[in-house]
């Protein structure tokens, strides 16, 4: 179970989701 915890944390899924939520400043 310990291995599953870090896997989710290092997953590149969270970063992209946050970027999509901040498209307002990027778009004029």
N, C-alpha and C. Protein backbone atom coordinates (compact mmCIF):
# COMPACT_ATOMS: atom_id res chain seq x y z
N UNK A 1 0.83 -1.21 0.00
CA UNK A 1 0.00 0.00 0.00
C UNK A 1 0.87 1.26 0.00
N UNK A 2 2.02 1.12 0.60
CA UNK A 2 2.94 2.27 0.69
C UNK A 2 3.36 2.71 -0.72
N UNK A 3 3.52 1.72 -1.59
CA UNK A 3 3.98 2.03 -2.96
C UNK A 3 2.87 2.75 -3.74
N UNK A 4 1.65 2.42 -3.42
CA UNK A 4 0.52 3.03 -4.15
C UNK A 4 0.36 4.52 -3.78
N UNK A 5 0.70 4.84 -2.56
CA UNK A 5 0.56 6.23 -2.09
C UNK A 5 1.44 7.20 -2.90
N UNK A 6 2.73 6.89 -2.98
CA UNK A 6 3.68 7.75 -3.70
C UNK A 6 3.36 7.80 -5.19
N UNK A 7 2.86 6.70 -5.71
CA UNK A 7 2.54 6.60 -7.14
C UNK A 7 1.53 7.69 -7.52
N UNK A 8 0.53 7.85 -6.68
CA UNK A 8 -0.53 8.81 -6.95
C UNK A 8 0.00 10.25 -6.81
N UNK A 9 0.93 10.41 -5.88
CA UNK A 9 1.50 11.74 -5.61
C UNK A 9 2.38 12.19 -6.78
N UNK A 10 3.16 11.24 -7.31
CA UNK A 10 4.10 11.58 -8.39
C UNK A 10 3.37 11.57 -9.74
N UNK A 11 2.13 11.13 -9.72
CA UNK A 11 1.36 11.06 -10.98
C UNK A 11 1.30 12.45 -11.64
N UNK A 12 1.46 12.48 -12.96
CA UNK A 12 1.43 13.75 -13.69
C UNK A 12 0.00 14.20 -13.98
N UNK A 13 -0.95 13.55 -13.34
CA UNK A 13 -2.36 13.89 -13.58
C UNK A 13 -2.77 15.18 -12.86
N UNK A 14 -2.37 15.35 -11.61
CA UNK A 14 -2.73 16.54 -10.82
C UNK A 14 -2.22 17.84 -11.45
N UNK A 15 -0.98 17.92 -11.87
CA UNK A 15 -0.42 19.14 -12.45
C UNK A 15 -1.22 19.65 -13.64
N UNK A 16 -1.50 18.82 -14.63
CA UNK A 16 -2.24 19.22 -15.82
C UNK A 16 -3.63 19.74 -15.48
N UNK A 17 -4.27 19.10 -14.51
CA UNK A 17 -5.63 19.51 -14.12
C UNK A 17 -5.62 20.95 -13.60
N UNK A 18 -4.60 21.29 -12.83
CA UNK A 18 -4.50 22.64 -12.25
C UNK A 18 -4.26 23.66 -13.36
N UNK A 19 -3.46 23.28 -14.34
CA UNK A 19 -3.13 24.18 -15.45
C UNK A 19 -4.40 24.49 -16.25
N UNK A 20 -5.24 23.49 -16.39
CA UNK A 20 -6.48 23.67 -17.16
C UNK A 20 -7.44 24.61 -16.43
N UNK A 21 -7.30 24.60 -15.11
CA UNK A 21 -8.19 25.45 -14.30
C UNK A 21 -7.73 26.91 -14.33
N UNK A 22 -6.49 27.13 -14.77
CA UNK A 22 -5.94 28.49 -14.81
C UNK A 22 -5.71 29.00 -16.24
N UNK A 23 -6.67 28.72 -17.11
CA UNK A 23 -6.53 29.15 -18.51
C UNK A 23 -7.01 30.60 -18.68
N UNK A 24 -7.67 31.10 -17.68
CA UNK A 24 -8.21 32.47 -17.73
C UNK A 24 -7.10 33.50 -17.96
N UNK A 25 -6.06 33.49 -17.11
CA UNK A 25 -4.96 34.46 -17.23
C UNK A 25 -4.21 34.28 -18.55
N UNK A 26 -4.14 33.04 -19.03
CA UNK A 26 -3.41 32.76 -20.26
C UNK A 26 -4.19 33.31 -21.46
N UNK A 27 -5.51 33.17 -21.40
CA UNK A 27 -6.36 33.64 -22.51
C UNK A 27 -6.74 35.11 -22.30
N UNK A 28 -6.61 35.91 -23.31
CA UNK A 28 -6.91 37.35 -23.23
C UNK A 28 -8.39 37.62 -22.98
